Amino acid sequence: MDQIFNFFNQPFFAIIGGFSTLLVILGILYRIACWSFCIVPVAIRFGIAIYKREVAIFADDKAFGDLEECLTNSKIFKKRNIVLIRDGSLEKAKTKTVFLVDWTSFGSKIDKIFALRKNEQTAIVIYAKPGSIPQDQMNIIANQINVIVVNFKGRLLNDISTLLITTSYDNN
């Protein structure tokens, strides 16, 4: 057994061990830097987006209840950040940064909703049943920035979360 220990006590193995230790330390520092410059800013941005942003839901009362329940049951969105926009009160949505549109209730007013956006950083999610949006309207929607058409409630949360990350939050 002493022969094995003596063999690995050679200067060559001490140099290789020191070099390996240096590589491991540099690798750990590199991973810390990657987390600091890549993951942490996205996490902070997403946290601010969820905490401060308000979701304006354009829907009738029944659809609003379903969509609000979907958002609040996820435990991601707070009920105080969700606002119902009825047919007569479209102007209330001007200050909101995320629009969730129920196509059945507000599909005929989609042009007015696009006009309400402060800028292209206002995200719009259109919740529609498959095939309910005519092709000419889909072409108009496809040319808009930060607009998503969703037909499943499970995708709804994912797409809103993605839009919260990709659009910036402006305090003004």
N, C-alpha and C. Protein backbone atom coordinates (compact mmCIF):
# COMPACT_ATOMS: atom_id res chain seq x y z
N MET A 1 0.80 -1.18 0.00
CA MET A 1 0.00 0.00 0.00
C MET A 1 0.86 1.26 0.00
N ASP A 2 1.99 1.21 0.72
CA ASP A 2 2.89 2.36 0.75
C ASP A 2 3.44 2.65 -0.64
N GLN A 3 3.61 1.65 -1.44
CA GLN A 3 4.14 1.86 -2.79
C GLN A 3 3.15 2.68 -3.63
N ILE A 4 1.88 2.42 -3.44
CA ILE A 4 0.86 3.17 -4.19
C ILE A 4 0.87 4.63 -3.75
N PHE A 5 0.92 4.87 -2.43
CA PHE A 5 0.96 6.24 -1.93
C PHE A 5 2.22 6.97 -2.39
N ASN A 6 3.33 6.30 -2.38
CA ASN A 6 4.58 6.92 -2.83
C ASN A 6 4.53 7.23 -4.32
N PHE A 7 3.88 6.35 -5.09
CA PHE A 7 3.78 6.59 -6.53
C PHE A 7 3.01 7.89 -6.82
N PHE A 8 1.91 8.13 -6.08
CA PHE A 8 1.09 9.31 -6.32
C PHE A 8 1.61 10.56 -5.61
N ASN A 9 2.68 10.44 -4.84
CA ASN A 9 3.32 11.60 -4.22
C ASN A 9 4.38 12.22 -5.12
N GLN A 10 4.49 11.78 -6.33
CA GLN A 10 5.46 12.32 -7.28
C GLN A 10 5.09 13.77 -7.64
N PRO A 11 6.07 14.60 -7.96
CA PRO A 11 5.80 16.01 -8.32
C PRO A 11 4.84 16.15 -9.50
N PHE A 12 4.87 15.20 -10.42
CA PHE A 12 3.98 15.25 -11.60
C PHE A 12 2.51 15.27 -11.15
N PHE A 13 2.17 14.41 -10.19
CA PHE A 13 0.79 14.33 -9.73
C PHE A 13 0.40 15.56 -8.91
N ALA A 14 1.33 16.15 -8.22
CA ALA A 14 1.06 17.38 -7.47
C ALA A 14 0.73 18.52 -8.43
N ILE A 15 1.46 18.59 -9.55
CA ILE A 15 1.20 19.63 -10.55
C ILE A 15 -0.17 19.41 -11.20
N ILE A 16 -0.47 18.17 -11.59
CA ILE A 16 -1.76 17.85 -12.21
C ILE A 16 -2.90 18.12 -11.22
N GLY A 17 -2.72 17.77 -9.96
CA GLY A 17 -3.75 18.02 -8.94
C GLY A 17 -4.00 19.51 -8.75
N GLY A 18 -2.93 20.30 -8.72
CA GLY A 18 -3.09 21.75 -8.59
C GLY A 18 -3.78 22.35 -9.80
N PHE A 19 -3.40 21.87 -10.99
CA PHE A 19 -4.03 22.36 -12.22
C PHE A 19 -5.52 21.99 -12.26
N SER A 20 -5.85 20.78 -11.85
CA SER A 20 -7.24 20.35 -11.82
C SER A 20 -8.05 21.17 -10.82
N THR A 21 -7.47 21.45 -9.67
CA THR A 21 -8.15 22.27 -8.67
C THR A 21 -8.40 23.68 -9.21
N LEU A 22 -7.42 24.24 -9.91
CA LEU A 22 -7.57 25.56 -10.51
C LEU A 22 -8.70 25.55 -11.54
N LEU A 23 -8.79 24.51 -12.37
CA LEU A 23 -9.86 24.41 -13.36
C LEU A 23 -11.24 24.32 -12.70
N VAL A 24 -11.33 23.57 -11.62
CA VAL A 24 -12.60 23.45 -10.92
C VAL A 24 -13.01 24.80 -10.33
N ILE A 25 -12.10 25.52 -9.74
CA ILE A 25 -12.41 26.84 -9.16
C ILE A 25 -12.83 27.81 -10.26
N LEU A 26 -12.11 27.81 -11.40
CA LEU A 26 -12.50 28.68 -12.52
C LEU A 26 -13.88 28.30 -13.06
N GLY A 27 -14.18 27.00 -13.12
CA GLY A 27 -15.50 26.55 -13.57
C GLY A 27 -16.61 27.03 -12.65
N ILE A 28 -16.37 26.97 -11.35
CA ILE A 28 -17.37 27.44 -10.39
C ILE A 28 -17.57 28.95 -10.53
N LEU A 29 -16.49 29.70 -10.68
CA LEU A 29 -16.61 31.15 -10.87
C LEU A 29 -17.36 31.48 -12.16
N TYR A 30 -17.11 30.70 -13.22
CA TYR A 30 -17.81 30.91 -14.49
C TYR A 30 -19.31 30.67 -14.32
N ARG A 31 -19.68 29.63 -13.61
CA ARG A 31 -21.11 29.35 -13.39
C ARG A 31 -21.77 30.44 -12.55
N ILE A 32 -21.06 30.94 -11.56
CA ILE A 32 -21.60 32.03 -10.74
C ILE A 32 -21.80 33.28 -11.61
N ALA A 33 -20.84 33.56 -12.49
CA ALA A 33 -20.97 34.71 -13.38
C ALA A 33 -22.14 34.53 -14.34
N CYS A 34 -22.32 33.33 -14.87
CA CYS A 34 -23.45 33.07 -15.77
C CYS A 34 -24.77 33.30 -15.05
N TRP A 35 -24.91 32.80 -13.85
CA TRP A 35 -26.13 33.01 -13.08
C TRP A 35 -26.34 34.49 -12.81
N SER A 36 -25.27 35.19 -12.45
CA SER A 36 -25.39 36.60 -12.10
C SER A 36 -25.79 37.46 -13.28
N PHE A 37 -25.27 37.17 -14.46
CA PHE A 37 -25.52 38.02 -15.61
C PHE A 37 -26.65 37.53 -16.51
N CYS A 38 -27.08 36.28 -16.37
CA CYS A 38 -28.10 35.74 -17.26
C CYS A 38 -29.40 35.40 -16.54
N ILE A 39 -29.35 34.59 -15.54
CA ILE A 39 -30.55 34.08 -14.90
C ILE A 39 -31.15 35.10 -13.92
N VAL A 40 -30.33 35.72 -13.11
CA VAL A 40 -30.82 36.63 -12.08
C VAL A 40 -31.58 37.82 -12.68
N PRO A 41 -31.08 38.50 -13.73
CA PRO A 41 -31.86 39.61 -14.29
C PRO A 41 -33.23 39.18 -14.82
N VAL A 42 -33.30 38.00 -15.44
CA VAL A 42 -34.58 37.51 -15.95
C VAL A 42 -35.53 37.23 -14.79
N ALA A 43 -35.03 36.63 -13.73
CA ALA A 43 -35.87 36.33 -12.57
C ALA A 43 -36.38 37.62 -11.92
N ILE A 44 -35.52 38.61 -11.80
CA ILE A 44 -35.94 39.90 -11.23
C ILE A 44 -36.98 40.56 -12.12
N ARG A 45 -36.75 40.53 -13.43
CA ARG A 45 -37.68 41.15 -14.37
C ARG A 45 -39.04 40.46 -14.31
N PHE A 46 -39.04 39.14 -14.23
CA PHE A 46 -40.30 38.39 -14.15
C PHE A 46 -41.02 38.68 -12.84
N GLY A 47 -40.26 38.78 -11.75
CA GLY A 47 -40.87 39.09 -10.46
C GLY A 47 -41.52 40.46 -10.44
N ILE A 48 -40.84 41.45 -10.98
CA ILE A 48 -41.41 42.80 -11.05
C ILE A 48 -42.63 42.80 -11.96
N ALA A 49 -42.54 42.06 -13.06
CA ALA A 49 -43.65 42.01 -14.02
C ALA A 49 -44.90 41.43 -13.38
N ILE A 50 -44.74 40.39 -12.60
CA ILE A 50 -45.91 39.78 -11.96
C ILE A 50 -46.43 40.66 -10.83
N TYR A 51 -45.54 41.27 -10.08
CA TYR A 51 -45.95 42.05 -8.92
C TYR A 51 -46.66 43.35 -9.31
N LYS A 52 -46.15 44.04 -10.31
CA LYS A 52 -46.64 45.39 -10.61
C LYS A 52 -47.62 45.47 -11.77
N ARG A 53 -47.62 44.53 -12.66
CA ARG A 53 -48.44 44.66 -13.85
C ARG A 53 -49.88 44.26 -13.60
N GLU A 54 -50.77 44.97 -14.27
CA GLU A 54 -52.18 44.69 -14.17
C GLU A 54 -52.67 44.09 -15.47
N VAL A 55 -53.52 43.07 -15.35
CA VAL A 55 -54.08 42.39 -16.50
C VAL A 55 -55.50 42.91 -16.69
N ALA A 56 -55.77 43.48 -17.86
CA ALA A 56 -57.11 43.93 -18.20
C ALA A 56 -57.78 42.83 -18.99
N ILE A 57 -58.87 42.29 -18.47
CA ILE A 57 -59.59 41.22 -19.16
C ILE A 57 -60.80 41.83 -19.84
N PHE A 58 -60.82 41.75 -21.16
CA PHE A 58 -61.94 42.22 -21.96
C PHE A 58 -62.88 41.04 -22.15
N ALA A 59 -63.99 41.03 -21.41
CA ALA A 59 -64.90 39.89 -21.47
C ALA A 59 -66.24 40.25 -20.86
N ASP A 60 -67.23 39.40 -21.11
CA ASP A 60 -68.49 39.54 -20.38
C ASP A 60 -68.31 38.91 -19.00
N ASP A 61 -69.31 38.99 -18.16
CA ASP A 61 -69.17 38.55 -16.77
C ASP A 61 -68.83 37.07 -16.64
N LYS A 62 -69.47 36.21 -17.43
CA LYS A 62 -69.22 34.78 -17.33
C LYS A 62 -67.80 34.43 -17.77
N ALA A 63 -67.39 34.95 -18.91
CA ALA A 63 -66.03 34.67 -19.40
C ALA A 63 -64.99 35.27 -18.46
N PHE A 64 -65.27 36.45 -17.90
CA PHE A 64 -64.34 37.06 -16.95
C PHE A 64 -64.13 36.16 -15.75
N GLY A 65 -65.22 35.60 -15.21
CA GLY A 65 -65.10 34.71 -14.06
C GLY A 65 -64.22 33.52 -14.36
N ASP A 66 -64.39 32.92 -15.55
CA ASP A 66 -63.57 31.76 -15.93
C ASP A 66 -62.10 32.14 -16.09
N LEU A 67 -61.83 33.25 -16.79
CA LEU A 67 -60.44 33.65 -17.04
C LEU A 67 -59.76 34.13 -15.75
N GLU A 68 -60.49 34.87 -14.93
CA GLU A 68 -59.92 35.33 -13.66
C GLU A 68 -59.59 34.13 -12.77
N GLU A 69 -60.48 33.17 -12.73
CA GLU A 69 -60.24 31.97 -11.92
C GLU A 69 -59.02 31.22 -12.42
N CYS A 70 -58.88 31.14 -13.73
CA CYS A 70 -57.70 30.48 -14.31
C CYS A 70 -56.42 31.18 -13.88
N LEU A 71 -56.42 32.51 -13.89
CA LEU A 71 -55.22 33.26 -13.53
C LEU A 71 -54.93 33.20 -12.03
N THR A 72 -55.97 33.34 -11.20
CA THR A 72 -55.74 33.38 -9.76
C THR A 72 -55.48 31.99 -9.17
N ASN A 73 -56.04 30.95 -9.77
CA ASN A 73 -55.80 29.60 -9.26
C ASN A 73 -54.35 29.17 -9.46
N SER A 74 -53.67 29.81 -10.37
CA SER A 74 -52.26 29.47 -10.62
C SER A 74 -51.37 29.95 -9.48
N LYS A 75 -51.89 30.84 -8.63
CA LYS A 75 -51.13 31.44 -7.53
C LYS A 75 -49.99 32.34 -8.03
N ILE A 76 -50.01 32.66 -9.32
CA ILE A 76 -49.01 33.56 -9.88
C ILE A 76 -49.53 34.99 -9.86
N PHE A 77 -50.80 35.16 -10.24
CA PHE A 77 -51.40 36.48 -10.32
C PHE A 77 -52.30 36.72 -9.12
N LYS A 78 -52.26 37.93 -8.62
CA LYS A 78 -53.12 38.32 -7.51
C LYS A 78 -54.41 38.92 -8.05
N LYS A 79 -55.48 38.70 -7.31
CA LYS A 79 -56.78 39.17 -7.76
C LYS A 79 -56.82 40.69 -7.92
N ARG A 80 -56.03 41.41 -7.11
CA ARG A 80 -56.02 42.87 -7.18
C ARG A 80 -55.39 43.38 -8.48
N ASN A 81 -54.62 42.54 -9.18
CA ASN A 81 -53.97 42.95 -10.43
C ASN A 81 -54.80 42.60 -11.66
N ILE A 82 -56.01 42.08 -11.46
CA ILE A 82 -56.86 41.69 -12.58
C ILE A 82 -58.07 42.61 -12.61
N VAL A 83 -58.32 43.22 -13.77
CA VAL A 83 -59.39 44.21 -13.91
C VAL A 83 -60.32 43.80 -15.05
N LEU A 84 -61.63 43.86 -14.80
CA LEU A 84 -62.62 43.58 -15.83
C LEU A 84 -62.86 44.83 -16.65
N ILE A 85 -62.81 44.68 -17.95
CA ILE A 85 -63.13 45.77 -18.87
C ILE A 85 -64.41 45.36 -19.60
N ARG A 86 -65.46 46.12 -19.36
CA ARG A 86 -66.74 45.85 -20.00
C ARG A 86 -66.83 46.63 -21.31
N ASP A 87 -67.91 46.36 -22.02
CA ASP A 87 -68.10 46.95 -23.34
C ASP A 87 -68.11 48.48 -23.31
N GLY A 88 -68.69 49.08 -22.32
CA GLY A 88 -68.78 50.53 -22.28
C GLY A 88 -67.59 51.23 -21.64
N SER A 89 -66.66 50.49 -21.09
CA SER A 89 -65.55 51.11 -20.35
C SER A 89 -64.19 50.75 -20.92
N LEU A 90 -64.06 50.76 -22.23
CA LEU A 90 -62.79 50.38 -22.87
C LEU A 90 -61.65 51.33 -22.49
N GLU A 91 -61.95 52.58 -22.24
CA GLU A 91 -60.92 53.57 -21.91
C GLU A 91 -60.19 53.25 -20.60
N LYS A 92 -60.84 52.47 -19.72
CA LYS A 92 -60.22 52.08 -18.46
C LYS A 92 -58.94 51.27 -18.67
N ALA A 93 -58.82 50.65 -19.83
CA ALA A 93 -57.69 49.76 -20.10
C ALA A 93 -56.44 50.50 -20.56
N LYS A 94 -56.52 51.78 -20.82
CA LYS A 94 -55.37 52.51 -21.36
C LYS A 94 -54.13 52.43 -20.48
N THR A 95 -54.30 52.36 -19.17
CA THR A 95 -53.16 52.34 -18.27
C THR A 95 -52.64 50.93 -17.99
N LYS A 96 -53.32 49.92 -18.45
CA LYS A 96 -52.91 48.53 -18.20
C LYS A 96 -51.86 48.10 -19.21
N THR A 97 -51.03 47.14 -18.83
CA THR A 97 -49.93 46.73 -19.70
C THR A 97 -50.11 45.34 -20.30
N VAL A 98 -51.12 44.61 -19.84
CA VAL A 98 -51.44 43.31 -20.43
C VAL A 98 -52.93 43.27 -20.68
N PHE A 99 -53.30 42.97 -21.93
CA PHE A 99 -54.71 42.83 -22.29
C PHE A 99 -54.99 41.35 -22.54
N LEU A 100 -56.03 40.84 -21.91
CA LEU A 100 -56.50 39.48 -22.18
C LEU A 100 -57.89 39.63 -22.77
N VAL A 101 -58.06 39.23 -24.02
CA VAL A 101 -59.30 39.46 -24.76
C VAL A 101 -60.01 38.13 -24.98
N ASP A 102 -61.25 38.07 -24.52
CA ASP A 102 -62.10 36.92 -24.84
C ASP A 102 -62.71 37.18 -26.21
N TRP A 103 -62.36 36.37 -27.19
CA TRP A 103 -62.77 36.61 -28.57
C TRP A 103 -64.28 36.57 -28.71
N THR A 104 -64.95 35.68 -28.00
CA THR A 104 -66.39 35.56 -28.11
C THR A 104 -67.07 36.85 -27.69
N SER A 105 -66.59 37.50 -26.66
CA SER A 105 -67.20 38.73 -26.14
C SER A 105 -66.75 39.98 -26.88
N PHE A 106 -65.46 40.07 -27.24
CA PHE A 106 -64.89 41.31 -27.76
C PHE A 106 -64.22 41.17 -29.12
N GLY A 107 -64.48 40.11 -29.83
CA GLY A 107 -63.84 39.92 -31.14
C GLY A 107 -64.18 41.01 -32.13
N SER A 108 -65.39 41.54 -32.05
CA SER A 108 -65.81 42.59 -32.99
C SER A 108 -65.14 43.93 -32.68
N LYS A 109 -64.56 44.06 -31.50
CA LYS A 109 -63.93 45.33 -31.09
C LYS A 109 -62.41 45.24 -31.04
N ILE A 110 -61.84 44.26 -31.73
CA ILE A 110 -60.40 44.04 -31.65
C ILE A 110 -59.61 45.23 -32.18
N ASP A 111 -60.14 45.93 -33.19
CA ASP A 111 -59.43 47.11 -33.71
C ASP A 111 -59.38 48.23 -32.67
N LYS A 112 -60.45 48.41 -31.91
CA LYS A 112 -60.47 49.41 -30.85
C LYS A 112 -59.50 49.03 -29.74
N ILE A 113 -59.40 47.73 -29.46
CA ILE A 113 -58.48 47.27 -28.42
C ILE A 113 -57.04 47.51 -28.85
N PHE A 114 -56.72 47.24 -30.12
CA PHE A 114 -55.37 47.52 -30.62
C PHE A 114 -55.07 49.02 -30.51
N ALA A 115 -56.06 49.86 -30.73
CA ALA A 115 -55.86 51.31 -30.66
C ALA A 115 -55.65 51.79 -29.22
N LEU A 116 -56.10 51.02 -28.23
CA LEU A 116 -55.93 51.41 -26.83
C LEU A 116 -54.51 51.24 -26.31
N ARG A 117 -53.70 50.48 -27.01
CA ARG A 117 -52.34 50.20 -26.53
C ARG A 117 -51.55 51.49 -26.42
N LYS A 118 -50.82 51.62 -25.30
CA LYS A 118 -49.92 52.78 -25.13
C LYS A 118 -48.82 52.74 -26.18
N ASN A 119 -48.25 51.57 -26.31
CA ASN A 119 -47.18 51.34 -27.29
C ASN A 119 -47.14 49.84 -27.55
N GLU A 120 -46.19 49.41 -28.32
CA GLU A 120 -46.12 47.99 -28.66
C GLU A 120 -45.62 47.13 -27.52
N GLN A 121 -45.26 47.73 -26.40
CA GLN A 121 -44.87 46.96 -25.21
C GLN A 121 -46.09 46.45 -24.45
N THR A 122 -47.27 46.93 -24.79
CA THR A 122 -48.48 46.41 -24.18
C THR A 122 -48.78 45.06 -24.82
N ALA A 123 -48.81 44.03 -24.00
CA ALA A 123 -49.02 42.67 -24.50
C ALA A 123 -50.52 42.39 -24.63
N ILE A 124 -50.88 41.70 -25.69
CA ILE A 124 -52.27 41.31 -25.90
C ILE A 124 -52.34 39.81 -26.10
N VAL A 125 -53.19 39.16 -25.31
CA VAL A 125 -53.45 37.73 -25.44
C VAL A 125 -54.91 37.59 -25.82
N ILE A 126 -55.17 36.93 -26.93
CA ILE A 126 -56.53 36.72 -27.40
C ILE A 126 -56.90 35.27 -27.12
N TYR A 127 -57.92 35.07 -26.29
CA TYR A 127 -58.38 33.73 -25.96
C TYR A 127 -59.57 33.41 -26.86
N ALA A 128 -59.41 32.44 -27.75
CA ALA A 128 -60.45 32.11 -28.71
C ALA A 128 -60.52 30.61 -28.90
N LYS A 129 -61.72 30.12 -29.19
CA LYS A 129 -61.88 28.70 -29.51
C LYS A 129 -61.27 28.45 -30.89
N PRO A 130 -60.76 27.25 -31.12
CA PRO A 130 -60.14 26.95 -32.43
C PRO A 130 -61.12 27.21 -33.58
N GLY A 131 -60.66 27.94 -34.57
CA GLY A 131 -61.45 28.21 -35.76
C GLY A 131 -62.45 29.34 -35.62
N SER A 132 -62.51 30.00 -34.47
CA SER A 132 -63.51 31.05 -34.29
C SER A 132 -63.07 32.41 -34.85
N ILE A 133 -61.79 32.57 -35.11
CA ILE A 133 -61.30 33.83 -35.67
C ILE A 133 -61.23 33.69 -37.20
N PRO A 134 -61.94 34.56 -37.93
CA PRO A 134 -61.89 34.50 -39.39
C PRO A 134 -60.47 34.78 -39.91
N GLN A 135 -60.17 34.26 -41.08
CA GLN A 135 -58.82 34.38 -41.63
C GLN A 135 -58.40 35.83 -41.86
N ASP A 136 -59.31 36.69 -42.30
CA ASP A 136 -58.93 38.09 -42.52
C ASP A 136 -58.55 38.76 -41.20
N GLN A 137 -59.23 38.42 -40.11
CA GLN A 137 -58.86 38.96 -38.79
C GLN A 137 -57.54 38.37 -38.31
N MET A 138 -57.32 37.08 -38.59
CA MET A 138 -56.05 36.45 -38.21
C MET A 138 -54.88 37.14 -38.91
N ASN A 139 -55.07 37.55 -40.15
CA ASN A 139 -54.00 38.26 -40.87
C ASN A 139 -53.69 39.60 -40.21
N ILE A 140 -54.72 40.29 -39.74
CA ILE A 140 -54.51 41.57 -39.04
C ILE A 140 -53.79 41.32 -37.72
N ILE A 141 -54.22 40.30 -36.99
CA ILE A 141 -53.61 39.96 -35.70
C ILE A 141 -52.15 39.55 -35.90
N ALA A 142 -51.88 38.80 -36.96
CA ALA A 142 -50.52 38.30 -37.21
C ALA A 142 -49.53 39.42 -37.45
N ASN A 143 -50.00 40.57 -37.90
CA ASN A 143 -49.11 41.70 -38.18
C ASN A 143 -48.87 42.59 -36.96
N GLN A 144 -49.46 42.27 -35.84
CA GLN A 144 -49.29 43.05 -34.62
C GLN A 144 -48.12 42.48 -33.80
N ILE A 145 -47.41 43.35 -33.10
CA ILE A 145 -46.30 42.93 -32.25
C ILE A 145 -46.82 42.64 -30.85
N ASN A 146 -46.26 41.60 -30.22
CA ASN A 146 -46.61 41.18 -28.86
C ASN A 146 -48.09 40.83 -28.72
N VAL A 147 -48.61 40.12 -29.70
CA VAL A 147 -49.98 39.62 -29.66
C VAL A 147 -49.94 38.11 -29.85
N ILE A 148 -50.67 37.40 -28.99
CA ILE A 148 -50.71 35.94 -29.06
C ILE A 148 -52.17 35.50 -29.08
N VAL A 149 -52.48 34.51 -29.91
CA VAL A 149 -53.79 33.89 -29.93
C VAL A 149 -53.67 32.55 -29.22
N VAL A 150 -54.53 32.32 -28.22
CA VAL A 150 -54.47 31.12 -27.40
C VAL A 150 -55.84 30.45 -27.44
N ASN A 151 -55.84 29.12 -27.51
CA ASN A 151 -57.13 28.44 -27.48
C ASN A 151 -57.22 27.40 -26.37
N PHE A 152 -56.25 27.32 -25.50
CA PHE A 152 -56.28 26.42 -24.35
C PHE A 152 -55.92 27.21 -23.10
N LYS A 153 -56.63 26.95 -22.01
CA LYS A 153 -56.36 27.68 -20.77
C LYS A 153 -54.99 27.34 -20.21
N GLY A 154 -54.52 26.14 -20.43
CA GLY A 154 -53.18 25.78 -19.96
C GLY A 154 -52.11 26.60 -20.66
N ARG A 155 -52.28 26.85 -21.94
CA ARG A 155 -51.34 27.67 -22.69
C ARG A 155 -51.47 29.14 -22.33
N LEU A 156 -52.64 29.52 -21.85
CA LEU A 156 -52.88 30.92 -21.51
C LEU A 156 -51.90 31.42 -20.47
N LEU A 157 -51.71 30.66 -19.40
CA LEU A 157 -50.77 31.07 -18.35
C LEU A 157 -49.34 31.13 -18.88
N ASN A 158 -48.96 30.16 -19.67
CA ASN A 158 -47.62 30.13 -20.23
C ASN A 158 -47.37 31.33 -21.14
N ASP A 159 -48.33 31.63 -21.99
CA ASP A 159 -48.14 32.74 -22.92
C ASP A 159 -48.15 34.10 -22.22
N ILE A 160 -48.99 34.26 -21.20
CA ILE A 160 -48.96 35.51 -20.45
C ILE A 160 -47.63 35.66 -19.73
N SER A 161 -47.13 34.57 -19.15
CA SER A 161 -45.83 34.63 -18.47
C SER A 161 -44.72 35.00 -19.44
N THR A 162 -44.74 34.43 -20.61
CA THR A 162 -43.74 34.75 -21.63
C THR A 162 -43.82 36.21 -22.03
N LEU A 163 -45.02 36.72 -22.22
CA LEU A 163 -45.18 38.12 -22.59
C LEU A 163 -44.73 39.06 -21.47
N LEU A 164 -44.92 38.65 -20.23
CA LEU A 164 -44.47 39.49 -19.11
C LEU A 164 -42.95 39.61 -19.11
N ILE A 165 -42.27 38.56 -19.50
CA ILE A 165 -40.81 38.60 -19.54
C ILE A 165 -40.33 39.40 -20.74
N THR A 166 -40.97 39.20 -21.90
CA THR A 166 -40.44 39.79 -23.13
C THR A 166 -40.84 41.26 -23.31
N THR A 167 -41.88 41.71 -22.62
CA THR A 167 -42.22 43.14 -22.71
C THR A 167 -41.75 43.81 -21.43
N SER A 168 -41.25 45.00 -21.56
CA SER A 168 -40.69 45.68 -20.40
C SER A 168 -41.78 46.36 -19.58
N TYR A 169 -41.50 46.54 -18.30
CA TYR A 169 -42.42 47.26 -17.43
C TYR A 169 -41.90 48.67 -17.28
N ASP A 170 -42.75 49.64 -17.57
CA ASP A 170 -42.38 51.05 -17.46
C ASP A 170 -43.25 51.68 -16.40
N ASN A 171 -42.63 52.26 -15.38
CA ASN A 171 -43.38 52.86 -14.28
C ASN A 171 -44.22 54.04 -14.70
N ASN A 172 -43.86 54.67 -15.80
CA ASN A 172 -44.58 55.87 -16.22
C ASN A 172 -45.88 55.46 -16.82
